[in-house]
């Protein structure tokens, strides 16, 4: 399980570094990238994906399946929120 948590943490860290680099190039872009957290549609889709994959993952891999399901939910919400423009 340690390796699973390490890989998941690395993926999340890569997203944070990506945001930091974008913010250095263009101030304000980091806030736009993480606006998906306020987008109900994106958060709902991410939560639904995490729930469904979490149930399947728990049956197949136990706690490791939950870690991957959570990461998949975060990535789905992140991607869905990227298409939305700030109002």
N, C-alpha and C. Protein backbone atom coordinates (compact mmCIF):
# COMPACT_ATOMS: atom_id res chain seq x y z
N UNK A 1 0.81 -1.19 0.00
CA UNK A 1 0.00 0.00 0.00
C UNK A 1 0.86 1.26 0.00
N UNK A 2 2.06 1.17 0.56
CA UNK A 2 2.94 2.33 0.61
C UNK A 2 3.27 2.86 -0.77
N UNK A 3 3.50 1.94 -1.71
CA UNK A 3 3.83 2.35 -3.08
C UNK A 3 2.63 3.03 -3.74
N UNK A 4 1.45 2.55 -3.46
CA UNK A 4 0.24 3.15 -4.04
C UNK A 4 0.06 4.58 -3.55
N UNK A 5 0.23 4.79 -2.26
CA UNK A 5 0.11 6.14 -1.72
C UNK A 5 1.18 7.05 -2.27
N UNK A 6 2.39 6.52 -2.45
CA UNK A 6 3.48 7.32 -2.99
C UNK A 6 3.19 7.77 -4.42
N UNK A 7 2.71 6.86 -5.24
CA UNK A 7 2.39 7.21 -6.63
C UNK A 7 1.25 8.22 -6.69
N UNK A 8 0.22 8.02 -5.88
CA UNK A 8 -0.90 8.97 -5.85
C UNK A 8 -0.42 10.35 -5.40
N UNK A 9 0.44 10.38 -4.39
CA UNK A 9 0.98 11.66 -3.92
C UNK A 9 1.82 12.33 -5.00
N UNK A 10 2.54 11.54 -5.78
CA UNK A 10 3.36 12.09 -6.86
C UNK A 10 2.48 12.71 -7.95
N UNK A 11 1.37 12.09 -8.27
CA UNK A 11 0.47 12.63 -9.29
C UNK A 11 -0.13 13.94 -8.81
N UNK A 12 -0.56 13.98 -7.56
CA UNK A 12 -1.12 15.22 -7.02
C UNK A 12 -0.04 16.31 -6.96
N UNK A 13 1.18 15.93 -6.57
CA UNK A 13 2.28 16.89 -6.54
C UNK A 13 2.58 17.43 -7.94
N UNK A 14 2.47 16.58 -8.95
CA UNK A 14 2.70 17.03 -10.33
C UNK A 14 1.66 18.07 -10.74
N UNK A 15 0.41 17.88 -10.32
CA UNK A 15 -0.63 18.87 -10.61
C UNK A 15 -0.33 20.20 -9.92
N UNK A 16 0.15 20.13 -8.70
CA UNK A 16 0.48 21.36 -7.96
C UNK A 16 1.67 22.07 -8.60
N UNK A 17 2.69 21.31 -9.01
CA UNK A 17 3.85 21.91 -9.68
C UNK A 17 3.43 22.53 -11.01
N UNK A 18 2.56 21.84 -11.73
CA UNK A 18 2.05 22.38 -13.01
C UNK A 18 1.36 23.72 -12.78
N UNK A 19 0.58 23.79 -11.72
CA UNK A 19 -0.10 25.04 -11.39
C UNK A 19 0.89 26.13 -11.02
N UNK A 20 1.90 25.78 -10.25
CA UNK A 20 2.91 26.76 -9.83
C UNK A 20 3.67 27.31 -11.03
N UNK A 21 4.05 26.44 -11.95
CA UNK A 21 4.77 26.90 -13.14
C UNK A 21 3.89 27.79 -14.01
N UNK A 22 2.63 27.43 -14.15
CA UNK A 22 1.71 28.27 -14.93
C UNK A 22 1.52 29.63 -14.25
N UNK A 23 1.48 29.63 -12.93
CA UNK A 23 1.31 30.88 -12.19
C UNK A 23 2.53 31.79 -12.37
N UNK A 24 3.71 31.20 -12.43
CA UNK A 24 4.92 31.99 -12.66
C UNK A 24 4.90 32.64 -14.05
N UNK A 25 4.42 31.90 -15.03
CA UNK A 25 4.35 32.42 -16.40
C UNK A 25 3.27 33.47 -16.57
N UNK A 26 2.12 33.22 -15.97
CA UNK A 26 0.98 34.12 -16.11
C UNK A 26 0.25 34.23 -14.77
N UNK A 27 0.48 35.32 -14.03
CA UNK A 27 -0.19 35.47 -12.73
C UNK A 27 -1.72 35.37 -12.87
N UNK A 28 -2.32 34.64 -11.96
CA UNK A 28 -3.78 34.45 -11.98
C UNK A 28 -4.20 33.15 -12.63
N UNK A 29 -3.30 32.51 -13.37
CA UNK A 29 -3.68 31.27 -14.05
C UNK A 29 -3.84 30.11 -13.07
N UNK A 30 -3.11 30.14 -11.99
CA UNK A 30 -3.24 29.08 -10.99
C UNK A 30 -4.62 29.06 -10.37
N UNK A 31 -5.14 30.23 -10.09
CA UNK A 31 -6.49 30.32 -9.53
C UNK A 31 -7.51 29.79 -10.52
N UNK A 32 -7.32 30.11 -11.80
CA UNK A 32 -8.26 29.61 -12.82
C UNK A 32 -8.19 28.10 -12.93
N UNK A 33 -6.99 27.51 -12.81
CA UNK A 33 -6.86 26.06 -12.92
C UNK A 33 -7.57 25.33 -11.79
N UNK A 34 -7.59 25.91 -10.61
CA UNK A 34 -8.18 25.24 -9.46
C UNK A 34 -9.61 25.71 -9.17
N UNK A 35 -10.19 26.48 -10.10
CA UNK A 35 -11.58 26.90 -9.92
C UNK A 35 -12.55 25.73 -10.01
N UNK A 36 -12.08 24.58 -10.48
CA UNK A 36 -12.96 23.42 -10.57
C UNK A 36 -13.51 23.04 -9.20
N UNK A 37 -12.82 23.43 -8.14
CA UNK A 37 -13.30 23.12 -6.79
C UNK A 37 -14.59 23.87 -6.45
N UNK A 38 -14.89 24.94 -7.18
CA UNK A 38 -16.12 25.68 -6.94
C UNK A 38 -17.19 25.37 -8.00
N UNK A 39 -16.85 24.51 -8.94
CA UNK A 39 -17.78 24.12 -10.01
C UNK A 39 -18.55 22.88 -9.55
N UNK A 40 -19.83 23.05 -9.27
CA UNK A 40 -20.63 21.94 -8.75
C UNK A 40 -20.67 20.76 -9.72
N UNK A 41 -20.75 21.06 -11.00
CA UNK A 41 -20.83 19.99 -12.00
C UNK A 41 -19.55 19.14 -11.98
N UNK A 42 -18.41 19.79 -11.94
CA UNK A 42 -17.14 19.07 -11.95
C UNK A 42 -16.95 18.28 -10.65
N UNK A 43 -17.26 18.90 -9.52
CA UNK A 43 -17.11 18.21 -8.24
C UNK A 43 -18.07 17.03 -8.14
N UNK A 44 -19.29 17.21 -8.62
CA UNK A 44 -20.28 16.12 -8.58
C UNK A 44 -19.83 14.95 -9.45
N UNK A 45 -19.33 15.25 -10.64
CA UNK A 45 -18.86 14.18 -11.53
C UNK A 45 -17.66 13.47 -10.91
N UNK A 46 -16.74 14.22 -10.34
CA UNK A 46 -15.58 13.60 -9.69
C UNK A 46 -15.99 12.73 -8.52
N UNK A 47 -16.96 13.21 -7.72
CA UNK A 47 -17.43 12.43 -6.58
C UNK A 47 -18.13 11.15 -7.03
N UNK A 48 -18.92 11.25 -8.10
CA UNK A 48 -19.61 10.07 -8.62
C UNK A 48 -18.61 9.03 -9.13
N UNK A 49 -17.62 9.49 -9.87
CA UNK A 49 -16.59 8.58 -10.38
C UNK A 49 -15.84 7.93 -9.21
N UNK A 50 -15.48 8.75 -8.21
CA UNK A 50 -14.76 8.21 -7.05
C UNK A 50 -15.60 7.18 -6.31
N UNK A 51 -16.89 7.44 -6.19
CA UNK A 51 -17.78 6.50 -5.49
C UNK A 51 -17.89 5.18 -6.24
N UNK A 52 -18.17 5.27 -7.54
CA UNK A 52 -18.35 4.04 -8.33
C UNK A 52 -17.04 3.24 -8.38
N UNK A 53 -15.95 3.93 -8.69
CA UNK A 53 -14.67 3.22 -8.75
C UNK A 53 -14.23 2.74 -7.36
N UNK A 54 -14.60 3.51 -6.33
CA UNK A 54 -14.27 3.10 -4.97
C UNK A 54 -14.95 1.80 -4.58
N UNK A 55 -16.22 1.68 -4.96
CA UNK A 55 -16.93 0.43 -4.66
C UNK A 55 -16.30 -0.75 -5.41
N UNK A 56 -16.01 -0.53 -6.69
CA UNK A 56 -15.38 -1.60 -7.47
C UNK A 56 -13.96 -1.88 -6.98
N UNK A 57 -13.23 -0.82 -6.71
CA UNK A 57 -11.85 -0.97 -6.27
C UNK A 57 -11.73 -1.65 -4.92
N UNK A 58 -12.67 -1.35 -4.03
CA UNK A 58 -12.64 -1.98 -2.71
C UNK A 58 -12.80 -3.49 -2.83
N UNK A 59 -13.69 -3.90 -3.73
CA UNK A 59 -13.92 -5.35 -3.92
C UNK A 59 -12.70 -6.02 -4.54
N UNK A 60 -12.00 -5.32 -5.41
CA UNK A 60 -10.88 -5.93 -6.12
C UNK A 60 -9.55 -5.79 -5.38
N UNK A 61 -9.29 -4.61 -4.79
CA UNK A 61 -7.95 -4.36 -4.25
C UNK A 61 -7.95 -3.81 -2.84
N UNK A 62 -9.08 -3.68 -2.21
CA UNK A 62 -9.12 -3.18 -0.84
C UNK A 62 -8.82 -1.69 -0.78
N UNK A 63 -8.01 -1.31 0.20
CA UNK A 63 -7.72 0.11 0.43
C UNK A 63 -6.99 0.73 -0.76
N UNK A 64 -6.15 -0.02 -1.42
CA UNK A 64 -5.44 0.52 -2.59
C UNK A 64 -6.43 0.93 -3.69
N UNK A 65 -7.48 0.18 -3.84
CA UNK A 65 -8.51 0.54 -4.82
C UNK A 65 -9.19 1.86 -4.47
N UNK A 66 -9.35 2.12 -3.18
CA UNK A 66 -9.95 3.38 -2.75
C UNK A 66 -9.03 4.56 -3.06
N UNK A 67 -7.73 4.36 -2.89
CA UNK A 67 -6.77 5.43 -3.19
C UNK A 67 -6.84 5.79 -4.67
N UNK A 68 -6.84 4.78 -5.53
CA UNK A 68 -6.89 5.04 -6.97
C UNK A 68 -8.23 5.64 -7.37
N UNK A 69 -9.31 5.22 -6.73
CA UNK A 69 -10.62 5.77 -7.03
C UNK A 69 -10.67 7.25 -6.65
N UNK A 70 -10.12 7.59 -5.50
CA UNK A 70 -10.08 8.99 -5.09
C UNK A 70 -9.26 9.83 -6.05
N UNK A 71 -8.13 9.31 -6.48
CA UNK A 71 -7.28 10.03 -7.43
C UNK A 71 -8.01 10.20 -8.77
N UNK A 72 -8.69 9.17 -9.21
CA UNK A 72 -9.44 9.26 -10.46
C UNK A 72 -10.55 10.31 -10.35
N UNK A 73 -11.22 10.36 -9.20
CA UNK A 73 -12.26 11.36 -9.00
C UNK A 73 -11.71 12.78 -9.04
N UNK A 74 -10.55 12.98 -8.42
CA UNK A 74 -9.91 14.31 -8.45
C UNK A 74 -9.54 14.69 -9.87
N UNK A 75 -8.96 13.75 -10.61
CA UNK A 75 -8.55 14.05 -11.99
C UNK A 75 -9.75 14.33 -12.89
N UNK A 76 -10.83 13.59 -12.72
CA UNK A 76 -12.04 13.84 -13.52
C UNK A 76 -12.58 15.23 -13.23
N UNK A 77 -12.66 15.60 -11.96
CA UNK A 77 -13.15 16.93 -11.61
C UNK A 77 -12.22 18.01 -12.16
N UNK A 78 -10.92 17.78 -12.08
CA UNK A 78 -9.93 18.73 -12.58
C UNK A 78 -10.10 18.96 -14.08
N UNK A 79 -10.22 17.88 -14.82
CA UNK A 79 -10.36 17.98 -16.28
C UNK A 79 -11.69 18.62 -16.65
N UNK A 80 -12.76 18.23 -15.99
CA UNK A 80 -14.07 18.81 -16.31
C UNK A 80 -14.12 20.31 -15.99
N UNK A 81 -13.43 20.72 -14.96
CA UNK A 81 -13.42 22.12 -14.58
C UNK A 81 -12.56 22.99 -15.46
N UNK A 82 -11.67 22.39 -16.25
CA UNK A 82 -10.78 23.17 -17.12
C UNK A 82 -11.52 23.80 -18.27
N UNK A 83 -12.61 23.22 -18.71
CA UNK A 83 -13.35 23.75 -19.85
C UNK A 83 -14.22 24.95 -19.49
N UNK A 84 -14.44 25.19 -18.21
CA UNK A 84 -15.30 26.28 -17.76
C UNK A 84 -14.50 27.57 -17.66
N UNK A 85 -15.07 28.65 -18.08
CA UNK A 85 -14.45 29.97 -18.01
C UNK A 85 -14.91 30.67 -16.74
N UNK A 86 -14.02 31.42 -16.08
CA UNK A 86 -14.46 32.17 -14.91
C UNK A 86 -15.47 33.25 -15.31
N UNK A 87 -16.42 33.49 -14.43
CA UNK A 87 -17.47 34.45 -14.75
C UNK A 87 -17.24 35.76 -14.02
